[in-house]
Amino acid sequence: MNVERVRSAYSAIADVYIGLFGTSRQVHAADLAFIGRHLAIRPGGVLDLGCGPGHLTGYLRSLGVDASGIDLVPEFIDHARAAHPNVGYRLGSMESLDVADHSIAGILAWYSLIHVPPRNLDAVLAEFRRVMTPAGTLVVGFFDGDEAGPFDHKVVTAYRWSADELSGRLARAGFIEVEREQRPSDGTHRPHAAIAAVMGGAPVQGGGRTFRRG
């Protein structure tokens, strides 16, 4: 991921983005339920990586979760701190987290992996695994598609994934899928998918068995 390019692109439209997506009320109810179902973790800290305006971090805090947010974009962090003054937000990159090994119970990466090229995804997932506890949970939201590939996102180049392919990449990184959510395009929004996965055994090459509900 070209961190500077992504940061600059979102900084340029930060006010518009915050207006469109700045509160949890603007998130699909099924998505909030999915996130809460898997990340209402107590005790243990949860990182919202690519937290944007901080709305989902705030939602998790409303559930009693010890959640904090990290984002590349200063304007998002400034807004998040003002909107949720009792939540910890800081600048940073998911590619290199300033977090101790095996110290995080959960990670939310809600549409924040979409700008990571497929060739770089394994390294990012390895960083997630490094910071997570052995029983940690990862929740990923992303654009669904028939196969992995780039598309012309309104802000900066993004990548869609097929849910099966992303689940396989998670399995290679040592995560086991436990639930999947998919929603087709409604004419306004692109096809959506989300996967919840838990830490499994050692990272492996190739796919792994997945478990799905719903």
C-alpha atoms as a PDB file:
ATOM      1  CA  MET A   1       0.000   0.000   0.000  1.00  0.00           C
ATOM      2  CA  ASN A   2       1.281   3.456  -0.870  1.00  0.00           C
ATOM      3  CA  VAL A   3       0.676   4.987   2.546  1.00  0.00           C
ATOM      4  CA  GLU A   4       1.350   8.573   1.529  1.00  0.00           C
ATOM      5  CA  ARG A   5      -0.919   8.336  -1.495  1.00  0.00           C
ATOM      6  CA  VAL A   6      -3.787   6.909   0.553  1.00  0.00           C
ATOM      7  CA  ARG A   7      -3.295   9.479   3.321  1.00  0.00           C
ATOM      8  CA  SER A   8      -3.256  12.399   0.890  1.00  0.00           C
ATOM      9  CA  ALA A   9      -6.299  11.168  -1.003  1.00  0.00           C
ATOM     10  CA  TYR A  10      -8.427  10.834   2.131  1.00  0.00           C
ATOM     11  CA  SER A  11      -7.143  14.067   3.647  1.00  0.00           C
ATOM     12  CA  ALA A  12      -8.354  15.894   0.553  1.00  0.00           C
ATOM     13  CA  ILE A  13     -11.951  14.703   0.983  1.00  0.00           C
ATOM     14  CA  ALA A  14     -12.022  14.257   4.768  1.00  0.00           C
ATOM     15  CA  ASP A  15     -14.920  16.645   5.405  1.00  0.00           C
ATOM     16  CA  VAL A  16     -17.081  14.993   2.743  1.00  0.00           C
ATOM     17  CA  TYR A  17     -16.208  11.511   3.997  1.00  0.00           C
ATOM     18  CA  ILE A  18     -17.026  12.426   7.605  1.00  0.00           C
ATOM     19  CA  GLY A  19     -20.376  13.821   6.493  1.00  0.00           C
ATOM     20  CA  LEU A  20     -21.231  10.602   4.674  1.00  0.00           C
ATOM     21  CA  PHE A  21     -19.843   8.020   7.111  1.00  0.00           C
ATOM     22  CA  GLY A  22     -19.093   9.800  10.359  1.00  0.00           C
ATOM     23  CA  THR A  23     -21.572   8.133  12.716  1.00  0.00           C
ATOM     24  CA  SER A  24     -22.642   4.562  13.442  1.00  0.00           C
ATOM     25  CA  ARG A  25     -26.192   5.561  12.436  1.00  0.00           C
ATOM     26  CA  GLN A  26     -24.925   5.582   8.858  1.00  0.00           C
ATOM     27  CA  VAL A  27     -23.785   1.948   9.091  1.00  0.00           C
ATOM     28  CA  HIS A  28     -26.051  -0.903   7.988  1.00  0.00           C
ATOM     29  CA  ALA A  29     -27.757  -2.472  11.004  1.00  0.00           C
ATOM     30  CA  ALA A  30     -26.652  -5.957   9.939  1.00  0.00           C
ATOM     31  CA  ASP A  31     -23.038  -4.781   9.894  1.00  0.00           C
ATOM     32  CA  LEU A  32     -23.245  -3.317  13.384  1.00  0.00           C
ATOM     33  CA  ALA A  33     -24.743  -6.582  14.611  1.00  0.00           C
ATOM     34  CA  PHE A  34     -21.976  -8.605  12.921  1.00  0.00           C
ATOM     35  CA  ILE A  35     -19.249  -6.438  14.426  1.00  0.00           C
ATOM     36  CA  GLY A  36     -20.800  -6.505  17.878  1.00  0.00           C
ATOM     37  CA  ARG A  37     -21.391 -10.239  17.791  1.00  0.00           C
ATOM     38  CA  HIS A  38     -17.703 -10.973  17.307  1.00  0.00           C
ATOM     39  CA  LEU A  39     -15.926  -8.062  18.970  1.00  0.00           C
ATOM     40  CA  ALA A  40     -17.938  -7.467  22.138  1.00  0.00           C
ATOM     41  CA  ILE A  41     -14.861  -8.856  23.881  1.00  0.00           C
ATOM     42  CA  ARG A  42     -14.317  -8.474  27.620  1.00  0.00           C
ATOM     43  CA  PRO A  43     -11.689  -8.378  28.973  1.00  0.00           C
ATOM     44  CA  GLY A  44      -9.126  -7.412  26.368  1.00  0.00           C
ATOM     45  CA  GLY A  45      -8.381  -4.558  24.016  1.00  0.00           C
ATOM     46  CA  VAL A  46      -9.745  -4.224  20.479  1.00  0.00           C
ATOM     47  CA  LEU A  47      -8.042  -2.184  17.754  1.00  0.00           C
ATOM     48  CA  ASP A  48     -10.112  -0.487  15.067  1.00  0.00           C
ATOM     49  CA  LEU A  49      -7.517  -0.285  12.292  1.00  0.00           C
ATOM     50  CA  GLY A  50      -8.245   2.310   9.662  1.00  0.00           C
ATOM     51  CA  CYS A  51     -10.813   3.736  12.061  1.00  0.00           C
ATOM     52  CA  GLY A  52     -11.614   6.752   9.877  1.00  0.00           C
ATOM     53  CA  PRO A  53     -13.859   9.211  11.771  1.00  0.00           C
ATOM     54  CA  GLY A  54     -13.927   6.833  14.750  1.00  0.00           C
ATOM     55  CA  HIS A  55     -17.600   5.911  14.569  1.00  0.00           C
ATOM     56  CA  LEU A  56     -17.140   2.152  14.840  1.00  0.00           C
ATOM     57  CA  THR A  57     -14.601   2.510  17.623  1.00  0.00           C
ATOM     58  CA  GLY A  58     -17.210   4.574  19.450  1.00  0.00           C
ATOM     59  CA  TYR A  59     -19.850   1.937  18.742  1.00  0.00           C
ATOM     60  CA  LEU A  60     -17.660  -0.766  20.263  1.00  0.00           C
ATOM     61  CA  ARG A  61     -17.058   1.427  23.309  1.00  0.00           C
ATOM     62  CA  SER A  62     -20.832   1.791  23.678  1.00  0.00           C
ATOM     63  CA  LEU A  63     -20.943  -2.011  24.016  1.00  0.00           C
ATOM     64  CA  GLY A  64     -18.435  -1.869  26.860  1.00  0.00           C
ATOM     65  CA  VAL A  65     -15.460  -2.885  24.726  1.00  0.00           C
ATOM     66  CA  ASP A  66     -11.977  -1.505  25.492  1.00  0.00           C
ATOM     67  CA  ALA A  67     -11.626  -0.270  21.914  1.00  0.00           C
ATOM     68  CA  SER A  68      -9.180   2.236  20.434  1.00  0.00           C
ATOM     69  CA  GLY A  69      -8.622   3.472  16.900  1.00  0.00           C
ATOM     70  CA  ILE A  70      -5.675   3.931  14.559  1.00  0.00           C
ATOM     71  CA  ASP A  71      -5.742   5.729  11.216  1.00  0.00           C
ATOM     72  CA  LEU A  72      -3.365   7.273   8.683  1.00  0.00           C
ATOM     73  CA  VAL A  73      -5.348  10.460   8.191  1.00  0.00           C
ATOM     74  CA  PRO A  74      -4.822  13.345  10.660  1.00  0.00           C
ATOM     75  CA  GLU A  75      -8.205  14.901   9.851  1.00  0.00           C
ATOM     76  CA  PHE A  76      -9.976  11.671  10.766  1.00  0.00           C
ATOM     77  CA  ILE A  77      -8.101  11.350  14.039  1.00  0.00           C
ATOM     78  CA  ASP A  78      -8.859  14.982  14.942  1.00  0.00           C
ATOM     79  CA  HIS A  79     -12.561  14.430  14.274  1.00  0.00           C
ATOM     80  CA  ALA A  80     -12.615  11.125  16.165  1.00  0.00           C
ATOM     81  CA  ARG A  81     -10.993  12.670  19.225  1.00  0.00           C
ATOM     82  CA  ALA A  82     -13.500  15.542  19.219  1.00  0.00           C
ATOM     83  CA  ALA A  83     -16.516  13.281  18.660  1.00  0.00           C
ATOM     84  CA  HIS A  84     -15.433  10.600  21.157  1.00  0.00           C
ATOM     85  CA  PRO A  85     -13.234  12.359  23.735  1.00  0.00           C
ATOM     86  CA  ASN A  86     -13.069   9.365  26.080  1.00  0.00           C
ATOM     87  CA  VAL A  87     -11.690   7.000  23.405  1.00  0.00           C
ATOM     88  CA  GLY A  88      -8.034   6.610  22.471  1.00  0.00           C
ATOM     89  CA  TYR A  89      -7.223   7.473  18.851  1.00  0.00           C
ATOM     90  CA  ARG A  90      -3.794   7.830  17.293  1.00  0.00           C
ATOM     91  CA  LEU A  91      -2.073   8.158  13.950  1.00  0.00           C
ATOM     92  CA  GLY A  92      -0.452   5.025  12.617  1.00  0.00           C
ATOM     93  CA  SER A  93      -0.294   2.403   9.896  1.00  0.00           C
ATOM     94  CA  MET A  94      -1.603  -1.160  10.065  1.00  0.00           C
ATOM     95  CA  GLU A  95       1.524  -2.239   8.217  1.00  0.00           C
ATOM     96  CA  SER A  96       3.665  -1.532  11.288  1.00  0.00           C
ATOM     97  CA  LEU A  97       1.742  -1.349  14.544  1.00  0.00           C
ATOM     98  CA  ASP A  98       3.329   0.194  17.612  1.00  0.00           C
ATOM     99  CA  VAL A  99       1.754  -2.529  19.747  1.00  0.00           C
ATOM    100  CA  ALA A 100       3.293  -5.279  21.871  1.00  0.00           C
ATOM    101  CA  ASP A 101       3.224  -8.879  20.675  1.00  0.00           C
ATOM    102  CA  HIS A 102       0.139 -10.905  21.626  1.00  0.00           C
ATOM    103  CA  SER A 103      -1.491  -8.019  23.495  1.00  0.00           C
ATOM    104  CA  ILE A 104      -4.721  -7.423  21.526  1.00  0.00           C
ATOM    105  CA  ALA A 105      -7.893  -9.508  21.899  1.00  0.00           C
ATOM    106  CA  GLY A 106      -9.552  -8.311  18.703  1.00  0.00           C
ATOM    107  CA  ILE A 107      -9.021  -6.360  15.494  1.00  0.00           C
ATOM    108  CA  LEU A 108     -11.622  -4.622  13.349  1.00  0.00           C
ATOM    109  CA  ALA A 109     -10.470  -3.921   9.786  1.00  0.00           C
ATOM    110  CA  TRP A 110     -13.700  -2.562   8.329  1.00  0.00           C
ATOM    111  CA  TYR A 111     -13.023  -1.555   4.723  1.00  0.00           C
ATOM    112  CA  SER A 112      -9.478  -0.640   5.729  1.00  0.00           C
ATOM    113  CA  LEU A 113      -7.752  -3.486   3.858  1.00  0.00           C
ATOM    114  CA  ILE A 114      -9.299  -2.398   0.565  1.00  0.00           C
ATOM    115  CA  HIS A 115      -6.290  -0.289  -0.417  1.00  0.00           C
ATOM    116  CA  VAL A 116      -3.772  -3.062   0.309  1.00  0.00           C
ATOM    117  CA  PRO A 117      -2.632  -4.706  -2.949  1.00  0.00           C
ATOM    118  CA  PRO A 118      -3.094  -8.500  -2.902  1.00  0.00           C
ATOM    119  CA  ARG A 119       0.695  -9.009  -3.048  1.00  0.00           C
ATOM    120  CA  ASN A 120       1.046  -7.126   0.264  1.00  0.00           C
ATOM    121  CA  LEU A 121      -1.874  -8.650   2.146  1.00  0.00           C
ATOM    122  CA  ASP A 122      -0.006 -11.575   3.699  1.00  0.00           C
ATOM    123  CA  ALA A 123       2.481  -9.218   5.383  1.00  0.00           C
ATOM    124  CA  VAL A 124      -0.349  -7.102   6.831  1.00  0.00           C
ATOM    125  CA  LEU A 125      -2.150 -10.188   8.154  1.00  0.00           C
ATOM    126  CA  ALA A 126       1.119 -11.388   9.695  1.00  0.00           C
ATOM    127  CA  GLU A 127       1.327  -8.061  11.543  1.00  0.00           C
ATOM    128  CA  PHE A 128      -2.250  -8.566  12.779  1.00  0.00           C
ATOM    129  CA  ARG A 129      -1.314 -12.026  13.992  1.00  0.00           C
ATOM    130  CA  ARG A 130       1.772 -10.715  15.765  1.00  0.00           C
ATOM    131  CA  VAL A 131      -0.199  -8.370  18.005  1.00  0.00           C
ATOM    132  CA  MET A 132      -3.167 -10.672  18.722  1.00  0.00           C
ATOM    133  CA  THR A 133      -3.621 -12.980  21.670  1.00  0.00           C
ATOM    134  CA  PRO A 134      -3.842 -16.725  20.933  1.00  0.00           C
ATOM    135  CA  ALA A 135      -7.648 -16.588  21.166  1.00  0.00           C
ATOM    136  CA  GLY A 136      -7.944 -13.297  19.247  1.00  0.00           C
ATOM    137  CA  THR A 137     -10.737 -12.422  16.812  1.00  0.00           C
ATOM    138  CA  LEU A 138     -10.409 -10.559  13.519  1.00  0.00           C
ATOM    139  CA  VAL A 139     -13.369  -8.956  11.717  1.00  0.00           C
ATOM    140  CA  VAL A 140     -12.856  -7.763   8.137  1.00  0.00           C
ATOM    141  CA  GLY A 141     -15.318  -5.842   5.944  1.00  0.00           C
ATOM    142  CA  PHE A 142     -14.603  -5.518   2.222  1.00  0.00           C
ATOM    143  CA  PHE A 143     -15.978  -5.150  -1.299  1.00  0.00           C
ATOM    144  CA  ASP A 144     -17.164  -8.512  -2.614  1.00  0.00           C
ATOM    145  CA  GLY A 145     -16.419  -9.733  -6.134  1.00  0.00           C
ATOM    146  CA  ASP A 146     -15.851 -12.790  -8.268  1.00  0.00           C
ATOM    147  CA  GLU A 147     -12.083 -12.543  -7.808  1.00  0.00           C
ATOM    148  CA  ALA A 148      -9.433 -10.306  -6.314  1.00  0.00           C
ATOM    149  CA  GLY A 149      -8.663  -7.250  -8.385  1.00  0.00           C
ATOM    150  CA  PRO A 150      -8.417  -3.463  -8.456  1.00  0.00           C
ATOM    151  CA  PHE A 151     -11.209  -1.064  -9.316  1.00  0.00           C
ATOM    152  CA  ASP A 152     -11.602   2.679  -9.655  1.00  0.00           C
ATOM    153  CA  HIS A 153     -12.591   3.661  -6.115  1.00  0.00           C
ATOM    154  CA  LYS A 154     -13.886   7.226  -5.681  1.00  0.00           C
ATOM    155  CA  VAL A 155     -10.959   8.161  -3.413  1.00  0.00           C
ATOM    156  CA  VAL A 156      -7.960   6.068  -4.445  1.00  0.00           C
ATOM    157  CA  THR A 157      -7.379   2.682  -6.102  1.00  0.00           C
ATOM    158  CA  ALA A 158      -9.006  -0.112  -4.113  1.00  0.00           C
ATOM    159  CA  TYR A 159      -9.245  -3.893  -4.378  1.00  0.00           C
ATOM    160  CA  ARG A 160     -12.228  -6.212  -4.230  1.00  0.00           C
ATOM    161  CA  TRP A 161     -12.012  -9.838  -3.089  1.00  0.00           C
ATOM    162  CA  SER A 162     -14.145 -12.898  -3.462  1.00  0.00           C
ATOM    163  CA  ALA A 163     -15.116 -14.027   0.019  1.00  0.00           C
ATOM    164  CA  ASP A 164     -13.704 -17.499  -0.632  1.00  0.00           C
ATOM    165  CA  GLU A 165     -10.374 -16.102  -1.774  1.00  0.00           C
ATOM    166  CA  LEU A 166     -10.017 -13.761   1.178  1.00  0.00           C
ATOM    167  CA  SER A 167     -10.974 -16.555   3.553  1.00  0.00           C
ATOM    168  CA  GLY A 168      -8.191 -18.628   2.021  1.00  0.00           C
ATOM    169  CA  ARG A 169      -5.681 -15.836   2.550  1.00  0.00           C
ATOM    170  CA  LEU A 170      -6.806 -15.565   6.172  1.00  0.00           C
ATOM    171  CA  ALA A 171      -6.324 -19.323   6.553  1.00  0.00           C
ATOM    172  CA  ARG A 172      -2.789 -19.049   5.178  1.00  0.00           C
ATOM    173  CA  ALA A 173      -2.087 -16.428   7.838  1.00  0.00           C
ATOM    174  CA  GLY A 174      -3.356 -18.740  10.594  1.00  0.00           C
ATOM    175  CA  PHE A 175      -6.943 -17.486  11.000  1.00  0.00           C
ATOM    176  CA  ILE A 176     -10.012 -19.736  10.929  1.00  0.00           C
ATOM    177  CA  GLU A 177     -13.251 -18.315   9.532  1.00  0.00           C
ATOM    178  CA  VAL A 178     -16.206 -18.610  11.916  1.00  0.00           C
ATOM    179  CA  GLU A 179     -18.861 -16.501  10.194  1.00  0.00           C
ATOM    180  CA  ARG A 180     -19.433 -14.783   6.883  1.00  0.00           C
ATOM    181  CA  GLU A 181     -21.827 -12.052   5.794  1.00  0.00           C
ATOM    182  CA  GLN A 182     -22.547 -11.159   2.175  1.00  0.00           C
ATOM    183  CA  ARG A 183     -24.920  -8.585   0.712  1.00  0.00           C
ATOM    184  CA  PRO A 184     -25.440  -7.952  -3.024  1.00  0.00           C
ATOM    185  CA  SER A 185     -25.383  -4.551  -4.666  1.00  0.00           C
ATOM    186  CA  ASP A 186     -28.533  -2.529  -4.134  1.00  0.00           C
ATOM    187  CA  GLY A 187     -27.868  -0.256  -7.086  1.00  0.00           C
ATOM    188  CA  THR A 188     -26.218   2.362  -4.872  1.00  0.00           C
ATOM    189  CA  HIS A 189     -23.657   0.353  -2.910  1.00  0.00           C
ATOM    190  CA  ARG A 190     -21.240  -2.225  -4.265  1.00  0.00           C
ATOM    191  CA  PRO A 191     -21.539  -5.874  -3.144  1.00  0.00           C
ATOM    192  CA  HIS A 192     -20.447  -6.211   0.473  1.00  0.00           C
ATOM    193  CA  ALA A 193     -18.873  -9.015   2.447  1.00  0.00           C
ATOM    194  CA  ALA A 194     -17.543  -9.478   5.951  1.00  0.00           C
ATOM    195  CA  ILE A 195     -15.632 -12.324   7.572  1.00  0.00           C
ATOM    196  CA  ALA A 196     -15.059 -13.031  11.244  1.00  0.00           C
ATOM    197  CA  ALA A 197     -12.082 -15.262  11.985  1.00  0.00           C
ATOM    198  CA  VAL A 198     -10.246 -16.478  15.049  1.00  0.00           C
ATOM    199  CA  MET A 199      -6.605 -17.292  15.605  1.00  0.00           C
ATOM    200  CA  GLY A 200      -5.903 -20.880  14.695  1.00  0.00           C
ATOM    201  CA  GLY A 201      -2.700 -22.838  14.337  1.00  0.00           C
ATOM    202  CA  ALA A 202       0.534 -21.771  12.698  1.00  0.00           C
ATOM    203  CA  PRO A 203       0.311 -19.942   9.366  1.00  0.00           C
ATOM    204  CA  VAL A 204       0.205 -22.366   6.433  1.00  0.00           C
ATOM    205  CA  GLN A 205       0.599 -22.215   2.685  1.00  0.00           C
ATOM    206  CA  GLY A 206      -2.614 -22.810   0.761  1.00  0.00           C
ATOM    207  CA  GLY A 207      -6.202 -22.787   1.925  1.00  0.00           C
ATOM    208  CA  GLY A 208      -7.766 -24.051   5.096  1.00  0.00           C
ATOM    209  CA  ARG A 209     -11.069 -25.359   6.278  1.00  0.00           C
ATOM    210  CA  THR A 210     -13.639 -22.687   7.027  1.00  0.00           C
ATOM    211  CA  PHE A 211     -16.741 -22.737   9.201  1.00  0.00           C
ATOM    212  CA  ARG A 212     -19.687 -20.571   8.227  1.00  0.00           C
ATOM    213  CA  ARG A 213     -22.970 -19.617   9.817  1.00  0.00           C
ATOM    214  CA  GLY A 214     -25.733 -17.631   8.216  1.00  0.00           C
END
